[in-house]
Amino acid sequence: MKFNPSVGVDNVFKTRLISRDAAAGKVKSEVLQGDKVCAKLKSQVSEMQVQAAGDGASVVKLAVEYDTLDGAPLAAEDQATLTKGYLGLIKAAEAYLVAHPAEFA
């Protein structure tokens, strides 16, 4: 994934799809290449699920599992960067879908 310059991210992220369950609205993927936080990780797997919440709304559940190269937990700043990245991705997808409602109708 290469971001548009307007996003303000210069990195290229490479991921691998592990599984997809369209009926459950669930996707599981592994990050193969990413930013400076990803360089500290041996592995990083995310699982995202979108659930209907009624009246055209939805809830996104996200779980991220990672192993660091040195076995120590990530610093709080790096955890915040990782969280901010995933939330930014979800918000960008949401904004696109709101702007293009017929896209996935």
N, C-alpha and C. Protein backbone atom coordinates (compact mmCIF):
# COMPACT_ATOMS: atom_id res chain seq x y z
N MET A 1 0.85 -1.15 0.00
CA MET A 1 0.00 0.00 0.00
C MET A 1 0.91 1.23 0.00
N LYS A 2 0.69 2.08 -0.96
CA LYS A 2 1.43 3.34 -1.01
C LYS A 2 0.43 4.45 -0.78
N PHE A 3 0.73 5.30 0.21
CA PHE A 3 -0.20 6.35 0.57
C PHE A 3 -0.11 7.55 -0.36
N ASN A 4 -1.24 8.22 -0.52
CA ASN A 4 -1.30 9.48 -1.24
C ASN A 4 -0.49 10.50 -0.45
N PRO A 5 0.28 11.37 -1.11
CA PRO A 5 1.08 12.37 -0.38
C PRO A 5 0.27 13.23 0.58
N SER A 6 -1.02 13.42 0.32
CA SER A 6 -1.85 14.24 1.21
C SER A 6 -2.02 13.60 2.59
N VAL A 7 -1.79 12.30 2.70
CA VAL A 7 -1.92 11.61 3.98
C VAL A 7 -0.76 11.98 4.90
N GLY A 8 0.38 12.33 4.31
CA GLY A 8 1.53 12.73 5.10
C GLY A 8 2.39 11.56 5.56
N VAL A 9 2.25 10.42 4.89
CA VAL A 9 3.05 9.24 5.21
C VAL A 9 3.88 8.89 3.98
N ASP A 10 5.20 8.81 4.16
CA ASP A 10 6.08 8.53 3.03
C ASP A 10 6.34 7.04 2.83
N ASN A 11 5.95 6.23 3.78
CA ASN A 11 6.29 4.82 3.74
C ASN A 11 5.40 4.02 2.81
N VAL A 12 5.94 2.87 2.41
CA VAL A 12 5.16 1.88 1.69
C VAL A 12 4.94 0.73 2.66
N PHE A 13 3.70 0.29 2.79
CA PHE A 13 3.37 -0.82 3.67
C PHE A 13 3.03 -2.03 2.82
N LYS A 14 3.65 -3.15 3.13
CA LYS A 14 3.34 -4.39 2.45
C LYS A 14 2.70 -5.33 3.46
N THR A 15 1.56 -5.89 3.05
CA THR A 15 0.84 -6.81 3.93
C THR A 15 0.50 -8.08 3.16
N ARG A 16 0.17 -9.11 3.92
CA ARG A 16 -0.26 -10.38 3.34
C ARG A 16 -1.59 -10.74 3.98
N LEU A 17 -2.57 -11.05 3.13
CA LEU A 17 -3.87 -11.45 3.62
C LEU A 17 -3.77 -12.88 4.15
N ILE A 18 -4.16 -13.07 5.41
CA ILE A 18 -4.13 -14.40 6.02
C ILE A 18 -5.49 -15.07 5.84
N SER A 19 -6.55 -14.33 6.14
CA SER A 19 -7.90 -14.89 5.97
C SER A 19 -8.91 -13.77 5.80
N ARG A 20 -10.04 -14.14 5.18
CA ARG A 20 -11.13 -13.20 4.98
C ARG A 20 -12.43 -13.96 5.10
N ASP A 21 -13.32 -13.46 5.93
CA ASP A 21 -14.63 -14.06 6.11
C ASP A 21 -15.66 -12.98 5.82
N ALA A 22 -16.16 -12.97 4.59
CA ALA A 22 -17.10 -11.92 4.17
C ALA A 22 -18.39 -11.96 4.98
N ALA A 23 -18.86 -13.15 5.31
CA ALA A 23 -20.12 -13.27 6.06
C ALA A 23 -20.00 -12.65 7.45
N ALA A 24 -18.83 -12.79 8.07
CA ALA A 24 -18.60 -12.25 9.42
C ALA A 24 -18.01 -10.84 9.37
N GLY A 25 -17.66 -10.36 8.18
CA GLY A 25 -17.06 -9.03 8.05
C GLY A 25 -15.69 -8.96 8.70
N LYS A 26 -14.92 -10.04 8.57
CA LYS A 26 -13.64 -10.14 9.28
C LYS A 26 -12.48 -10.36 8.31
N VAL A 27 -11.39 -9.64 8.55
CA VAL A 27 -10.17 -9.76 7.75
C VAL A 27 -8.98 -9.89 8.70
N LYS A 28 -8.08 -10.81 8.38
CA LYS A 28 -6.86 -10.99 9.17
C LYS A 28 -5.68 -10.86 8.23
N SER A 29 -4.70 -10.02 8.61
CA SER A 29 -3.55 -9.80 7.73
C SER A 29 -2.26 -9.67 8.55
N GLU A 30 -1.16 -9.82 7.84
CA GLU A 30 0.16 -9.73 8.45
C GLU A 30 0.93 -8.61 7.76
N VAL A 31 1.60 -7.78 8.54
CA VAL A 31 2.42 -6.71 7.98
C VAL A 31 3.80 -7.28 7.67
N LEU A 32 4.24 -7.11 6.43
CA LEU A 32 5.54 -7.61 6.00
C LEU A 32 6.59 -6.51 5.99
N GLN A 33 6.15 -5.28 5.70
CA GLN A 33 7.06 -4.14 5.65
C GLN A 33 6.28 -2.91 6.05
N GLY A 34 6.91 -2.03 6.85
CA GLY A 34 6.19 -0.85 7.29
C GLY A 34 7.10 0.26 7.72
N ASP A 35 6.67 1.01 8.73
CA ASP A 35 7.40 2.19 9.19
C ASP A 35 8.47 1.81 10.22
N LYS A 36 8.98 2.82 10.93
CA LYS A 36 10.07 2.58 11.89
C LYS A 36 9.63 1.71 13.06
N VAL A 37 8.36 1.76 13.45
CA VAL A 37 7.89 0.89 14.52
C VAL A 37 7.89 -0.56 14.03
N CYS A 38 7.47 -0.79 12.80
CA CYS A 38 7.45 -2.14 12.24
C CYS A 38 8.86 -2.74 12.17
N ALA A 39 9.86 -1.91 12.03
CA ALA A 39 11.25 -2.39 11.97
C ALA A 39 11.68 -3.00 13.30
N LYS A 40 10.98 -2.70 14.38
CA LYS A 40 11.30 -3.25 15.70
C LYS A 40 10.57 -4.57 15.97
N LEU A 41 9.73 -4.99 15.01
CA LEU A 41 8.88 -6.15 15.23
C LEU A 41 9.31 -7.35 14.40
N LYS A 42 9.25 -8.51 15.03
CA LYS A 42 9.51 -9.77 14.33
C LYS A 42 8.27 -10.14 13.51
N SER A 43 7.11 -9.90 14.09
CA SER A 43 5.85 -10.19 13.39
C SER A 43 4.76 -9.25 13.90
N GLN A 44 3.76 -9.03 13.03
CA GLN A 44 2.63 -8.18 13.38
C GLN A 44 1.41 -8.67 12.62
N VAL A 45 0.40 -9.10 13.34
CA VAL A 45 -0.82 -9.62 12.73
C VAL A 45 -2.01 -8.82 13.26
N SER A 46 -2.87 -8.40 12.34
CA SER A 46 -4.06 -7.66 12.76
C SER A 46 -5.30 -8.38 12.29
N GLU A 47 -6.35 -8.26 13.10
CA GLU A 47 -7.64 -8.82 12.75
C GLU A 47 -8.68 -7.73 12.94
N MET A 48 -9.41 -7.44 11.87
CA MET A 48 -10.40 -6.38 11.90
C MET A 48 -11.76 -6.96 11.55
N GLN A 49 -12.78 -6.57 12.33
CA GLN A 49 -14.13 -7.04 12.07
C GLN A 49 -15.07 -5.85 12.09
N VAL A 50 -15.95 -5.79 11.10
CA VAL A 50 -16.96 -4.74 11.02
C VAL A 50 -18.31 -5.39 11.32
N GLN A 51 -19.01 -4.83 12.30
CA GLN A 51 -20.31 -5.36 12.70
C GLN A 51 -21.37 -4.27 12.57
N ALA A 52 -22.54 -4.66 12.07
CA ALA A 52 -23.65 -3.72 11.95
C ALA A 52 -24.10 -3.31 13.34
N ALA A 53 -24.38 -2.02 13.49
CA ALA A 53 -24.83 -1.49 14.79
C ALA A 53 -26.22 -0.88 14.67
N GLY A 54 -26.88 -1.10 13.56
CA GLY A 54 -28.23 -0.60 13.38
C GLY A 54 -28.27 0.81 12.83
N ASP A 55 -29.36 1.12 12.12
CA ASP A 55 -29.60 2.45 11.58
C ASP A 55 -28.45 2.96 10.72
N GLY A 56 -27.85 2.07 9.92
CA GLY A 56 -26.79 2.47 9.00
C GLY A 56 -25.43 2.64 9.65
N ALA A 57 -25.32 2.37 10.93
CA ALA A 57 -24.04 2.51 11.64
C ALA A 57 -23.35 1.15 11.74
N SER A 58 -22.08 1.20 12.06
CA SER A 58 -21.32 -0.03 12.27
C SER A 58 -20.27 0.18 13.35
N VAL A 59 -19.78 -0.93 13.87
CA VAL A 59 -18.73 -0.93 14.88
C VAL A 59 -17.56 -1.72 14.32
N VAL A 60 -16.36 -1.18 14.46
CA VAL A 60 -15.16 -1.87 14.00
C VAL A 60 -14.40 -2.37 15.22
N LYS A 61 -14.09 -3.66 15.22
CA LYS A 61 -13.29 -4.25 16.28
C LYS A 61 -11.94 -4.58 15.69
N LEU A 62 -10.89 -4.21 16.41
CA LEU A 62 -9.53 -4.41 15.92
C LEU A 62 -8.68 -5.05 17.00
N ALA A 63 -7.95 -6.09 16.61
CA ALA A 63 -6.99 -6.72 17.51
C ALA A 63 -5.66 -6.80 16.78
N VAL A 64 -4.59 -6.42 17.47
CA VAL A 64 -3.25 -6.47 16.88
C VAL A 64 -2.36 -7.28 17.81
N GLU A 65 -1.70 -8.28 17.25
CA GLU A 65 -0.73 -9.07 18.00
C GLU A 65 0.63 -8.86 17.35
N TYR A 66 1.64 -8.69 18.19
CA TYR A 66 2.98 -8.52 17.64
C TYR A 66 4.02 -9.15 18.55
N ASP A 67 5.15 -9.49 17.95
CA ASP A 67 6.32 -9.97 18.67
C ASP A 67 7.47 -9.04 18.31
N THR A 68 8.15 -8.53 19.33
CA THR A 68 9.29 -7.64 19.07
C THR A 68 10.55 -8.46 18.84
N LEU A 69 11.51 -7.85 18.18
CA LEU A 69 12.77 -8.52 17.89
C LEU A 69 13.53 -8.89 19.17
N ASP A 70 13.44 -8.01 20.17
CA ASP A 70 14.19 -8.26 21.42
C ASP A 70 13.34 -8.90 22.51
N GLY A 71 12.07 -9.17 22.23
CA GLY A 71 11.19 -9.81 23.20
C GLY A 71 10.61 -8.88 24.25
N ALA A 72 11.01 -7.63 24.24
CA ALA A 72 10.50 -6.64 25.20
C ALA A 72 9.26 -5.96 24.63
N PRO A 73 8.37 -5.49 25.49
CA PRO A 73 7.19 -4.76 25.01
C PRO A 73 7.61 -3.47 24.28
N LEU A 74 6.78 -3.04 23.36
CA LEU A 74 7.04 -1.76 22.68
C LEU A 74 6.92 -0.62 23.68
N ALA A 75 7.69 0.42 23.46
CA ALA A 75 7.58 1.63 24.28
C ALA A 75 6.19 2.23 24.08
N ALA A 76 5.72 2.96 25.06
CA ALA A 76 4.38 3.57 25.00
C ALA A 76 4.22 4.43 23.76
N GLU A 77 5.26 5.16 23.40
CA GLU A 77 5.21 6.02 22.21
C GLU A 77 5.02 5.19 20.94
N ASP A 78 5.72 4.05 20.85
CA ASP A 78 5.59 3.18 19.68
C ASP A 78 4.22 2.52 19.64
N GLN A 79 3.69 2.13 20.80
CA GLN A 79 2.34 1.57 20.85
C GLN A 79 1.32 2.60 20.37
N ALA A 80 1.50 3.85 20.78
CA ALA A 80 0.60 4.93 20.36
C ALA A 80 0.69 5.15 18.85
N THR A 81 1.90 5.08 18.30
CA THR A 81 2.09 5.24 16.86
C THR A 81 1.38 4.13 16.10
N LEU A 82 1.52 2.91 16.58
CA LEU A 82 0.88 1.76 15.96
C LEU A 82 -0.64 1.91 15.99
N THR A 83 -1.18 2.27 17.15
CA THR A 83 -2.62 2.46 17.31
C THR A 83 -3.13 3.58 16.40
N LYS A 84 -2.41 4.68 16.38
CA LYS A 84 -2.80 5.82 15.55
C LYS A 84 -2.84 5.43 14.07
N GLY A 85 -1.89 4.61 13.65
CA GLY A 85 -1.85 4.16 12.25
C GLY A 85 -3.07 3.34 11.88
N TYR A 86 -3.43 2.38 12.73
CA TYR A 86 -4.61 1.56 12.45
C TYR A 86 -5.89 2.38 12.50
N LEU A 87 -6.03 3.26 13.47
CA LEU A 87 -7.22 4.10 13.55
C LEU A 87 -7.31 5.03 12.34
N GLY A 88 -6.17 5.54 11.90
CA GLY A 88 -6.15 6.40 10.71
C GLY A 88 -6.62 5.66 9.47
N LEU A 89 -6.20 4.41 9.35
CA LEU A 89 -6.61 3.58 8.21
C LEU A 89 -8.12 3.34 8.24
N ILE A 90 -8.65 3.03 9.41
CA ILE A 90 -10.09 2.80 9.56
C ILE A 90 -10.87 4.07 9.24
N LYS A 91 -10.40 5.20 9.74
CA LYS A 91 -11.10 6.47 9.50
C LYS A 91 -11.05 6.86 8.03
N ALA A 92 -9.93 6.59 7.35
CA ALA A 92 -9.82 6.90 5.92
C ALA A 92 -10.79 6.03 5.12
N ALA A 93 -10.90 4.75 5.48
CA ALA A 93 -11.85 3.87 4.79
C ALA A 93 -13.28 4.33 5.03
N GLU A 94 -13.57 4.72 6.27
CA GLU A 94 -14.91 5.21 6.60
C GLU A 94 -15.25 6.47 5.79
N ALA A 95 -14.30 7.41 5.72
CA ALA A 95 -14.54 8.65 4.98
C ALA A 95 -14.79 8.36 3.50
N TYR A 96 -14.06 7.40 2.95
CA TYR A 96 -14.25 7.04 1.55
C TYR A 96 -15.65 6.45 1.33
N LEU A 97 -16.04 5.55 2.23
CA LEU A 97 -17.35 4.91 2.09
C LEU A 97 -18.50 5.91 2.28
N VAL A 98 -18.35 6.86 3.16
CA VAL A 98 -19.38 7.90 3.35
C VAL A 98 -19.48 8.75 2.08
N ALA A 99 -18.34 9.06 1.47
CA ALA A 99 -18.32 9.89 0.27
C ALA A 99 -18.80 9.12 -0.97
N HIS A 100 -18.71 7.80 -0.94
CA HIS A 100 -19.09 6.96 -2.09
C HIS A 100 -20.02 5.83 -1.63
N PRO A 101 -21.23 6.17 -1.18
CA PRO A 101 -22.13 5.15 -0.58
C PRO A 101 -22.53 4.04 -1.55
N ALA A 102 -22.56 4.28 -2.84
CA ALA A 102 -22.98 3.26 -3.79
C ALA A 102 -21.84 2.29 -4.12
N GLU A 103 -20.66 2.61 -3.67
CA GLU A 103 -19.47 1.80 -3.99
C GLU A 103 -19.60 0.35 -3.52
N PHE A 104 -20.11 0.15 -2.32
CA PHE A 104 -20.21 -1.21 -1.76
C PHE A 104 -21.64 -1.54 -1.34
N ALA A 105 -22.61 -0.93 -2.02
CA ALA A 105 -24.02 -1.17 -1.68
C ALA A 105 -24.47 -2.55 -2.13
